[in-house]
């Protein structure tokens, strides 16, 4: 198993930036593709971004494309989500998640990922 811990959330004004981190521990010798999801108040958890183990491919929801960037440093067992040009509608709890290193191009649902962090709150003020 792998344990995931997110950090980097906070309060930011619209147009600002934040970088979220997701640190993995446990069975980190296994290759994992990683995803980012978010849940806004009163809404279901939704896909935000994903990155393959090799970091050769990334995928984004249309709502964050060109504003958010996923990256990873496997030597540090850490995945990042750089968020720029933040909007009030980006306000949510952000979660990182892990799955096996195959088929990421089809993985957009929460149930497609096996391991989850506890989430970090991002609040964007207008």
Foldseek 3Di string as FASTA:
>chain_A
DKAKAKDWADEEAAQAKTKMKIAIDDVLVAFKKKFKWWDDPPGDIWGAKIAASVSPDMDGDPVQPPFWDWDDDSVRRMIMIIGGSDDQVVWTWMKMFIDHRPDPVPDTDPVRTDYIYPTDTHGYHD
